[in-house]
Amino acid sequence: MKKFTFEELPDAVVKLYEKIEAIESFLEDNKPNLKRRGIPLYHLSKEKCSTYFNKSDLAQLFYILMDEKIFFFDDHDQKCNRSKIQLFVEENFTYKGDSGLQTTIDTISKQFSESKGFTYKDKQIKFLERIIDTLKKRRDKIIGW
């Protein structure tokens, strides 16, 4: 790679910037083509799905969906399945943090463990009652259409 003199640096930076813009433009223009070819777009973007649940409630939801075998990665190896579900949530979701802002998830292992424990039975029942209430409201809304 050529070493630039002090005088050549501004031109080199401008050329580099133009090349980066061209690459960004190319990727943006070709998103539909990449999608049709089956190339996942998440490799191009780090956008995550957000939720108004707190971290504990998000873990409760996914634990229930996993435990009831609604969602799974490996239905033969429970330990492997749990690890993959946890990793999926960590990599693809943000939650409503204590400050009220969306927060990335470093780890959700503790909250998954709490979802399983009998110590948190009352907490899980309250969560399920809120979900059931939300689903009933949704059902009533659809019936009213």
C-alpha atoms as a PDB file:
ATOM      1  CA  MET A   1       0.000   0.000   0.000  1.00  0.00           C
ATOM      2  CA  LYS A   2       1.307   3.404  -0.941  1.00  0.00           C
ATOM      3  CA  LYS A   3       2.251   5.779   1.856  1.00  0.00           C
ATOM      4  CA  PHE A   4       0.765   9.207   1.343  1.00  0.00           C
ATOM      5  CA  THR A   5       2.486  12.481   1.920  1.00  0.00           C
ATOM      6  CA  PHE A   6       0.865  15.091   4.117  1.00  0.00           C
ATOM      7  CA  GLU A   7      -0.270  16.975   1.017  1.00  0.00           C
ATOM      8  CA  GLU A   8      -1.876  13.866  -0.547  1.00  0.00           C
ATOM      9  CA  LEU A   9      -3.903  12.899   2.549  1.00  0.00           C
ATOM     10  CA  PRO A  10      -6.960  15.128   1.918  1.00  0.00           C
ATOM     11  CA  ASP A  11      -7.436  13.689  -1.587  1.00  0.00           C
ATOM     12  CA  ALA A  12      -6.945  10.130  -0.299  1.00  0.00           C
ATOM     13  CA  VAL A  13      -9.582  10.659   2.407  1.00  0.00           C
ATOM     14  CA  VAL A  14     -12.055  12.030  -0.161  1.00  0.00           C
ATOM     15  CA  LYS A  15     -11.472   8.994  -2.435  1.00  0.00           C
ATOM     16  CA  LEU A  16     -11.875   6.597   0.482  1.00  0.00           C
ATOM     17  CA  TYR A  17     -15.130   8.306   1.507  1.00  0.00           C
ATOM     18  CA  GLU A  18     -16.441   8.039  -2.081  1.00  0.00           C
ATOM     19  CA  LYS A  19     -15.641   4.325  -2.157  1.00  0.00           C
ATOM     20  CA  ILE A  20     -17.435   3.723   1.150  1.00  0.00           C
ATOM     21  CA  GLU A  21     -20.490   5.615  -0.138  1.00  0.00           C
ATOM     22  CA  ALA A  22     -20.435   3.505  -3.321  1.00  0.00           C
ATOM     23  CA  ILE A  23     -20.363   0.282  -1.269  1.00  0.00           C
ATOM     24  CA  GLU A  24     -23.241   1.477   0.939  1.00  0.00           C
ATOM     25  CA  SER A  25     -25.232   2.453  -2.129  1.00  0.00           C
ATOM     26  CA  PHE A  26     -24.544  -0.907  -3.779  1.00  0.00           C
ATOM     27  CA  LEU A  27     -25.690  -2.823  -0.688  1.00  0.00           C
ATOM     28  CA  GLU A  28     -28.827  -0.698  -0.339  1.00  0.00           C
ATOM     29  CA  ASP A  29     -29.688  -1.129  -4.026  1.00  0.00           C
ATOM     30  CA  ASN A  30     -29.143  -4.883  -3.861  1.00  0.00           C
ATOM     31  CA  LYS A  31     -31.058  -5.705  -0.675  1.00  0.00           C
ATOM     32  CA  PRO A  32     -33.994  -7.122  -2.689  1.00  0.00           C
ATOM     33  CA  ASN A  33     -31.622  -9.314  -4.724  1.00  0.00           C
ATOM     34  CA  LEU A  34     -29.873 -10.567  -1.618  1.00  0.00           C
ATOM     35  CA  LYS A  35     -33.217 -11.370  -0.026  1.00  0.00           C
ATOM     36  CA  ARG A  36     -34.372 -13.384  -3.068  1.00  0.00           C
ATOM     37  CA  ARG A  37     -31.139 -15.367  -3.068  1.00  0.00           C
ATOM     38  CA  GLY A  38     -31.767 -16.377   0.505  1.00  0.00           C
ATOM     39  CA  ILE A  39     -28.853 -14.410   1.916  1.00  0.00           C
ATOM     40  CA  PRO A  40     -29.921 -13.247   5.365  1.00  0.00           C
ATOM     41  CA  LEU A  41     -30.015  -9.476   5.662  1.00  0.00           C
ATOM     42  CA  TYR A  42     -29.084  -9.547   9.329  1.00  0.00           C
ATOM     43  CA  HIS A  43     -25.491  -9.885   8.166  1.00  0.00           C
ATOM     44  CA  LEU A  44     -25.842  -6.377   6.729  1.00  0.00           C
ATOM     45  CA  SER A  45     -27.721  -4.845   9.625  1.00  0.00           C
ATOM     46  CA  LYS A  46     -27.500  -5.156  13.406  1.00  0.00           C
ATOM     47  CA  GLU A  47     -31.062  -3.977  14.032  1.00  0.00           C
ATOM     48  CA  LYS A  48     -32.780  -5.850  16.847  1.00  0.00           C
ATOM     49  CA  CYS A  49     -36.409  -6.415  17.714  1.00  0.00           C
ATOM     50  CA  SER A  50     -37.471  -4.215  20.626  1.00  0.00           C
ATOM     51  CA  THR A  51     -40.006  -4.932  23.346  1.00  0.00           C
ATOM     52  CA  TYR A  52     -41.676  -3.012  26.159  1.00  0.00           C
ATOM     53  CA  PHE A  53     -41.186  -6.053  28.397  1.00  0.00           C
ATOM     54  CA  ASN A  54     -38.506  -5.831  31.041  1.00  0.00           C
ATOM     55  CA  LYS A  55     -35.716  -8.415  30.895  1.00  0.00           C
ATOM     56  CA  SER A  56     -37.401 -10.744  33.367  1.00  0.00           C
ATOM     57  CA  ASP A  57     -40.728 -10.730  31.487  1.00  0.00           C
ATOM     58  CA  LEU A  58     -38.975 -11.294  28.161  1.00  0.00           C
ATOM     59  CA  ALA A  59     -37.218 -14.307  29.666  1.00  0.00           C
ATOM     60  CA  GLN A  60     -40.543 -15.556  31.085  1.00  0.00           C
ATOM     61  CA  LEU A  61     -42.172 -15.322  27.659  1.00  0.00           C
ATOM     62  CA  PHE A  62     -39.432 -17.196  25.831  1.00  0.00           C
ATOM     63  CA  TYR A  63     -39.049 -19.736  28.628  1.00  0.00           C
ATOM     64  CA  ILE A  64     -42.760 -20.548  28.434  1.00  0.00           C
ATOM     65  CA  LEU A  65     -42.681 -20.772  24.635  1.00  0.00           C
ATOM     66  CA  MET A  66     -39.633 -23.046  24.894  1.00  0.00           C
ATOM     67  CA  ASP A  67     -40.968 -25.166  27.762  1.00  0.00           C
ATOM     68  CA  GLU A  68     -44.287 -25.720  25.989  1.00  0.00           C
ATOM     69  CA  LYS A  69     -42.391 -26.608  22.782  1.00  0.00           C
ATOM     70  CA  ILE A  70     -43.986 -23.786  20.811  1.00  0.00           C
ATOM     71  CA  PHE A  71     -40.510 -22.510  19.856  1.00  0.00           C
ATOM     72  CA  PHE A  72     -37.468 -24.743  19.747  1.00  0.00           C
ATOM     73  CA  PHE A  73     -34.159 -25.282  18.032  1.00  0.00           C
ATOM     74  CA  ASP A  74     -33.494 -28.819  19.259  1.00  0.00           C
ATOM     75  CA  ASP A  75     -36.481 -30.770  20.592  1.00  0.00           C
ATOM     76  CA  HIS A  76     -34.319 -33.761  21.556  1.00  0.00           C
ATOM     77  CA  ASP A  77     -31.687 -32.046  23.727  1.00  0.00           C
ATOM     78  CA  GLN A  78     -33.316 -29.804  26.335  1.00  0.00           C
ATOM     79  CA  LYS A  79     -30.036 -28.272  27.550  1.00  0.00           C
ATOM     80  CA  CYS A  80     -28.874 -27.468  24.016  1.00  0.00           C
ATOM     81  CA  ASN A  81     -32.298 -26.092  23.139  1.00  0.00           C
ATOM     82  CA  ARG A  82     -32.301 -23.769  26.150  1.00  0.00           C
ATOM     83  CA  SER A  83     -28.826 -22.471  25.288  1.00  0.00           C
ATOM     84  CA  LYS A  84     -29.839 -21.775  21.708  1.00  0.00           C
ATOM     85  CA  ILE A  85     -33.077 -20.030  22.726  1.00  0.00           C
ATOM     86  CA  GLN A  86     -31.159 -17.848  25.207  1.00  0.00           C
ATOM     87  CA  LEU A  87     -28.559 -16.964  22.568  1.00  0.00           C
ATOM     88  CA  PHE A  88     -31.332 -16.163  20.090  1.00  0.00           C
ATOM     89  CA  VAL A  89     -32.963 -13.745  22.547  1.00  0.00           C
ATOM     90  CA  GLU A  90     -29.634 -12.138  23.467  1.00  0.00           C
ATOM     91  CA  GLU A  91     -28.646 -11.581  19.834  1.00  0.00           C
ATOM     92  CA  ASN A  92     -32.013 -10.460  18.471  1.00  0.00           C
ATOM     93  CA  PHE A  93     -33.894  -8.512  21.160  1.00  0.00           C
ATOM     94  CA  THR A  94     -33.657  -5.410  23.286  1.00  0.00           C
ATOM     95  CA  TYR A  95     -35.794  -4.824  26.368  1.00  0.00           C
ATOM     96  CA  LYS A  96     -37.127  -1.880  28.335  1.00  0.00           C
ATOM     97  CA  GLY A  97     -34.428  -1.155  30.882  1.00  0.00           C
ATOM     98  CA  ASP A  98     -34.797   0.483  34.283  1.00  0.00           C
ATOM     99  CA  SER A  99     -34.253   3.900  32.688  1.00  0.00           C
ATOM    100  CA  GLY A 100     -37.163   3.262  30.312  1.00  0.00           C
ATOM    101  CA  LEU A 101     -34.824   3.063  27.313  1.00  0.00           C
ATOM    102  CA  GLN A 102     -34.255   0.074  25.057  1.00  0.00           C
ATOM    103  CA  THR A 103     -31.305  -1.910  26.371  1.00  0.00           C
ATOM    104  CA  THR A 104     -29.266  -4.659  24.731  1.00  0.00           C
ATOM    105  CA  ILE A 105     -29.077  -8.021  26.455  1.00  0.00           C
ATOM    106  CA  ASP A 106     -25.634  -9.145  27.564  1.00  0.00           C
ATOM    107  CA  THR A 107     -26.948 -12.340  29.116  1.00  0.00           C
ATOM    108  CA  ILE A 108     -30.395 -13.624  30.011  1.00  0.00           C
ATOM    109  CA  SER A 109     -29.312 -16.846  31.734  1.00  0.00           C
ATOM    110  CA  LYS A 110     -30.214 -15.678  35.260  1.00  0.00           C
ATOM    111  CA  GLN A 111     -33.714 -14.628  34.176  1.00  0.00           C
ATOM    112  CA  PHE A 112     -34.240 -17.985  32.407  1.00  0.00           C
ATOM    113  CA  SER A 113     -33.239 -19.779  35.629  1.00  0.00           C
ATOM    114  CA  GLU A 114     -35.701 -17.658  37.583  1.00  0.00           C
ATOM    115  CA  SER A 115     -38.425 -18.588  35.099  1.00  0.00           C
ATOM    116  CA  LYS A 116     -37.920 -22.248  35.904  1.00  0.00           C
ATOM    117  CA  GLY A 117     -37.617 -21.965  39.684  1.00  0.00           C
ATOM    118  CA  PHE A 118     -40.557 -22.607  41.987  1.00  0.00           C
ATOM    119  CA  THR A 119     -39.401 -19.628  44.059  1.00  0.00           C
ATOM    120  CA  TYR A 120     -40.713 -17.360  41.307  1.00  0.00           C
ATOM    121  CA  LYS A 121     -44.046 -19.184  40.912  1.00  0.00           C
ATOM    122  CA  ASP A 122     -46.148 -16.149  41.950  1.00  0.00           C
ATOM    123  CA  LYS A 123     -44.201 -13.890  39.593  1.00  0.00           C
ATOM    124  CA  GLN A 124     -44.790 -16.315  36.717  1.00  0.00           C
ATOM    125  CA  ILE A 125     -48.507 -16.562  37.496  1.00  0.00           C
ATOM    126  CA  LYS A 126     -48.832 -12.742  37.446  1.00  0.00           C
ATOM    127  CA  PHE A 127     -46.993 -12.629  34.119  1.00  0.00           C
ATOM    128  CA  LEU A 128     -49.266 -15.310  32.645  1.00  0.00           C
ATOM    129  CA  GLU A 129     -52.362 -13.460  33.866  1.00  0.00           C
ATOM    130  CA  ARG A 130     -51.170 -10.291  32.062  1.00  0.00           C
ATOM    131  CA  ILE A 131     -50.529 -12.259  28.852  1.00  0.00           C
ATOM    132  CA  ILE A 132     -53.909 -13.997  29.083  1.00  0.00           C
ATOM    133  CA  ASP A 133     -55.604 -10.627  29.649  1.00  0.00           C
ATOM    134  CA  THR A 134     -53.856  -9.187  26.586  1.00  0.00           C
ATOM    135  CA  LEU A 135     -54.861 -12.197  24.456  1.00  0.00           C
ATOM    136  CA  LYS A 136     -58.484 -11.983  25.663  1.00  0.00           C
ATOM    137  CA  LYS A 137     -58.603  -8.293  24.714  1.00  0.00           C
ATOM    138  CA  ARG A 138     -57.191  -9.189  21.307  1.00  0.00           C
ATOM    139  CA  ARG A 139     -59.812 -11.938  20.871  1.00  0.00           C
ATOM    140  CA  ASP A 140     -62.614  -9.554  21.822  1.00  0.00           C
ATOM    141  CA  LYS A 141     -61.276  -6.967  19.381  1.00  0.00           C
ATOM    142  CA  ILE A 142     -61.273  -9.517  16.535  1.00  0.00           C
ATOM    143  CA  ILE A 143     -64.773 -10.745  17.437  1.00  0.00           C
ATOM    144  CA  GLY A 144     -65.951  -7.127  17.224  1.00  0.00           C
ATOM    145  CA  TRP A 145     -64.709  -6.691  13.620  1.00  0.00           C
END
